[in-house]
């Protein structure tokens, strides 16, 4: 009888140790591999507009870094209005053509994690849309029924004065090209 209790105790201890090892391995697997934060740099549209006016050009180029910063800023807005089920603590956006990749850090409860989200970018008028395509953690796909974001909207009009209207957005390998219609009679108001 005493032997049975010792065997049962050892068996339970073995199960407990195995569970702790599995939980520890899972936490190590999802743990972030890089340090990220949610700070973003503002994109200076005024200087770009002044260059457009001085060159009498109706095109503006945004670099991949600038589009990444706009995406990060709008992700911060998105997080403040949507319940994701996780806390996002850091992000870094990288653009490649019409694909936006976001390396993100976050917490699920007390467990920190790092993930890579892929978005398909599209444009309609003065709005860019980032449509969530997939999420991976260290190359392992997270099912979309567990984590899926609604499209994130980036309104370019929020950064531009009323005298310019975005006609067309072209996705380039090194950023975006914005084509405008400009009210040339209102240009002096830019210099005030």
Protein backbone atom coordinates (compact mmCIF):
# COMPACT_ATOMS: atom_id res chain seq x y z
CA UNK A 1 0.00 0.00 0.00
CA UNK A 2 2.85 2.38 0.89
CA UNK A 3 4.59 1.45 -2.36
CA UNK A 4 1.49 2.30 -4.36
CA UNK A 5 1.32 5.75 -2.77
CA UNK A 6 5.01 6.34 -3.52
CA UNK A 7 4.53 5.25 -7.14
CA UNK A 8 1.45 7.44 -7.52
CA UNK A 9 3.33 10.37 -5.96
CA UNK A 10 6.31 9.87 -8.31
CA UNK A 11 3.97 9.53 -11.27
CA UNK A 12 2.17 12.79 -10.40
CA UNK A 13 5.51 14.53 -9.80
CA UNK A 14 6.73 13.29 -13.21
CA UNK A 15 3.55 14.60 -14.89
CA UNK A 16 3.95 17.96 -13.12
CA UNK A 17 7.60 18.28 -14.24
CA UNK A 18 6.64 17.31 -17.81
CA UNK A 19 3.88 19.97 -17.85
CA UNK A 20 6.29 22.61 -16.54
CA UNK A 21 8.82 21.71 -19.27
CA UNK A 22 6.12 21.91 -21.97
CA UNK A 23 4.85 25.27 -20.67
CA UNK A 24 8.42 26.60 -20.44
CA UNK A 25 9.15 25.48 -24.02
CA UNK A 26 5.94 27.11 -25.27
CA UNK A 27 6.77 30.41 -23.53
CA UNK A 28 10.31 30.31 -24.95
CA UNK A 29 8.92 29.58 -28.44
CA UNK A 30 6.57 32.60 -28.53
CA UNK A 31 8.92 34.98 -26.68
CA UNK A 32 9.83 38.08 -28.78
CA UNK A 33 13.16 37.93 -30.61
CA UNK A 34 13.59 41.71 -30.91
CA UNK A 35 12.88 44.78 -28.80
CA UNK A 36 10.13 46.97 -30.31
CA UNK A 37 8.01 49.89 -29.13
CA UNK A 38 4.99 51.81 -30.40
CA UNK A 39 6.73 55.17 -30.93
CA UNK A 40 6.50 56.51 -34.46
CA UNK A 41 8.06 59.39 -36.32
CA UNK A 42 5.76 61.93 -37.98
CA UNK A 43 6.02 62.29 -41.74
CA UNK A 44 6.61 65.91 -42.83
CA UNK A 45 4.17 66.51 -45.67
CA UNK A 46 4.59 70.30 -45.63
CA UNK A 47 8.17 70.21 -47.00
CA UNK A 48 7.10 67.70 -49.64
CA UNK A 49 4.21 69.97 -50.64
CA UNK A 50 6.51 73.00 -50.86
CA UNK A 51 8.84 71.03 -53.12
CA UNK A 52 5.85 70.05 -55.27
CA UNK A 53 4.76 73.70 -55.59
CA UNK A 54 8.26 74.97 -56.37
CA UNK A 55 8.72 72.26 -59.05
CA UNK A 56 5.15 72.67 -60.33
CA UNK A 57 4.77 68.93 -60.02
CA UNK A 58 1.63 67.13 -58.90
CA UNK A 59 3.45 64.02 -57.70
CA UNK A 60 4.79 63.21 -54.26
CA UNK A 61 6.95 60.26 -53.32
CA UNK A 62 6.77 58.58 -49.94
CA UNK A 63 9.60 56.23 -49.00
CA UNK A 64 9.00 52.75 -47.60
CA UNK A 65 10.09 54.06 -44.19
CA UNK A 66 7.56 56.93 -44.33
CA UNK A 67 4.75 54.55 -45.32
CA UNK A 68 5.85 52.27 -42.46
CA UNK A 69 5.66 55.18 -39.98
CA UNK A 70 2.17 56.15 -41.25
CA UNK A 71 1.10 52.51 -40.87
CA UNK A 72 2.47 52.34 -37.33
CA UNK A 73 0.69 55.57 -36.38
CA UNK A 74 -2.59 54.22 -37.71
CA UNK A 75 -2.01 50.88 -35.94
CA UNK A 76 -1.82 52.85 -32.67
CA UNK A 77 -5.19 54.45 -33.54
CA UNK A 78 -6.62 51.04 -34.47
CA UNK A 79 -5.50 49.47 -31.18
CA UNK A 80 -7.16 52.27 -29.19
CA UNK A 81 -10.56 51.59 -30.79
CA UNK A 82 -10.51 47.77 -31.16
CA UNK A 83 -10.28 44.95 -28.64
CA UNK A 84 -7.69 42.56 -30.06
CA UNK A 85 -7.66 40.10 -27.17
CA UNK A 86 -3.94 40.79 -26.78
CA UNK A 87 -1.89 43.86 -25.85
CA UNK A 88 0.45 45.11 -28.60
CA UNK A 89 3.61 46.57 -27.05
CA UNK A 90 5.76 47.22 -30.11
CA UNK A 91 5.74 47.14 -33.90
CA UNK A 92 7.98 47.72 -36.89
CA UNK A 93 6.42 48.00 -40.36
CA UNK A 94 8.28 47.18 -43.58
CA UNK A 95 6.80 47.80 -47.03
CA UNK A 96 7.62 45.79 -50.15
CA UNK A 97 5.42 46.70 -53.12
CA UNK A 98 1.83 46.06 -52.07
CA UNK A 99 2.84 43.89 -49.10
CA UNK A 100 3.30 45.37 -45.63
CA UNK A 101 5.01 43.20 -43.03
CA UNK A 102 4.66 44.10 -39.36
CA UNK A 103 6.97 42.59 -36.77
CA UNK A 104 5.03 42.92 -33.53
CA UNK A 105 5.58 42.28 -29.85
CA UNK A 106 2.76 41.92 -27.41
CA UNK A 107 1.38 40.22 -24.35
CA UNK A 108 -1.34 37.64 -24.03
CA UNK A 109 -2.18 37.95 -20.36
CA UNK A 110 1.28 37.84 -18.75
CA UNK A 111 2.91 35.87 -21.58
CA UNK A 112 5.02 38.03 -23.93
CA UNK A 113 5.07 37.06 -27.61
CA UNK A 114 6.56 38.11 -30.91
CA UNK A 115 4.68 37.70 -34.19
CA UNK A 116 4.90 38.65 -37.85
CA UNK A 117 1.74 39.98 -39.49
CA UNK A 118 1.39 40.29 -43.26
CA UNK A 119 -0.94 42.83 -44.83
CA UNK A 120 -2.02 43.39 -48.43
CA UNK A 121 -2.08 47.09 -49.26
CA UNK A 122 -4.60 48.74 -51.54
CA UNK A 123 -5.62 52.32 -52.25
CA UNK A 124 -8.93 53.99 -52.86
CA UNK A 125 -8.93 57.75 -53.33
CA UNK A 126 -6.98 59.30 -50.48
CA UNK A 127 -7.16 56.15 -48.31
CA UNK A 128 -4.70 53.30 -47.99
CA UNK A 129 -6.03 50.01 -46.66
CA UNK A 130 -3.95 47.35 -44.94
CA UNK A 131 -5.85 44.05 -45.11
CA UNK A 132 -4.57 41.43 -42.68
CA UNK A 133 -3.54 38.27 -44.56
CA UNK A 134 -1.65 36.11 -42.07
CA UNK A 135 0.05 35.91 -38.68
CA UNK A 136 3.05 33.73 -37.89
CA UNK A 137 5.06 33.09 -34.75
CA UNK A 138 8.57 31.85 -35.60
CA UNK A 139 7.30 30.61 -38.94
CA UNK A 140 4.29 28.77 -37.52
CA UNK A 141 0.98 30.02 -38.93
CA UNK A 142 -1.60 31.24 -36.40
CA UNK A 143 -5.10 30.23 -37.60
CA UNK A 144 -7.16 33.25 -38.69
CA UNK A 145 -10.06 32.17 -36.50
CA UNK A 146 -7.77 32.76 -33.47
CA UNK A 147 -6.38 36.15 -34.54
CA UNK A 148 -7.66 38.31 -37.39
CA UNK A 149 -7.63 42.11 -37.71
CA UNK A 150 -10.12 44.18 -39.64
CA UNK A 151 -8.58 46.31 -42.42
CA UNK A 152 -6.55 49.24 -41.10
CA UNK A 153 -7.29 52.52 -42.85
CA UNK A 154 -4.66 55.19 -43.44
CA UNK A 155 -6.26 58.49 -44.48
CA UNK A 156 -3.72 60.52 -46.45
CA UNK A 157 -6.17 63.45 -46.43
CA UNK A 158 -5.51 63.85 -42.69
CA UNK A 159 -1.96 64.94 -43.52
CA UNK A 160 -2.67 67.16 -46.51
CA UNK A 161 -4.19 70.65 -46.85
CA UNK A 162 -7.59 71.04 -48.51
CA UNK A 163 -6.08 72.50 -51.69
CA UNK A 164 -4.73 69.10 -52.79
CA UNK A 165 -6.76 66.01 -53.62
CA UNK A 166 -5.23 62.58 -54.09
CA UNK A 167 -6.15 61.26 -57.54
CA UNK A 168 -4.05 58.15 -57.76
CA UNK A 169 -1.70 56.07 -55.63
CA UNK A 170 0.98 53.93 -57.26
CA UNK A 171 2.76 51.22 -55.30
CA UNK A 172 6.46 51.23 -56.11
CA UNK A 173 9.21 48.86 -55.00
CA UNK A 174 10.69 51.69 -52.90
CA UNK A 175 7.53 53.41 -51.60
CA UNK A 176 4.43 55.17 -52.87
CA UNK A 177 3.84 57.75 -55.56
CA UNK A 178 0.88 60.02 -54.87
CA UNK A 179 -0.64 61.93 -57.78
CA UNK A 180 -2.68 65.00 -56.94
CA UNK A 181 -5.13 67.48 -58.31
CA UNK A 182 -4.09 70.86 -56.98
CA UNK A 183 -6.00 74.11 -56.63
CA UNK A 184 -3.20 76.39 -57.89
CA UNK A 185 -5.14 79.52 -56.94
CA UNK A 186 -5.00 78.55 -53.25
CA UNK A 187 -1.22 78.06 -53.17
CA UNK A 188 -0.52 81.37 -51.40
CA UNK A 189 -2.39 80.01 -48.33
CA UNK A 190 0.37 77.40 -47.97
CA UNK A 191 2.90 80.10 -47.24
CA UNK A 192 0.98 81.64 -44.34
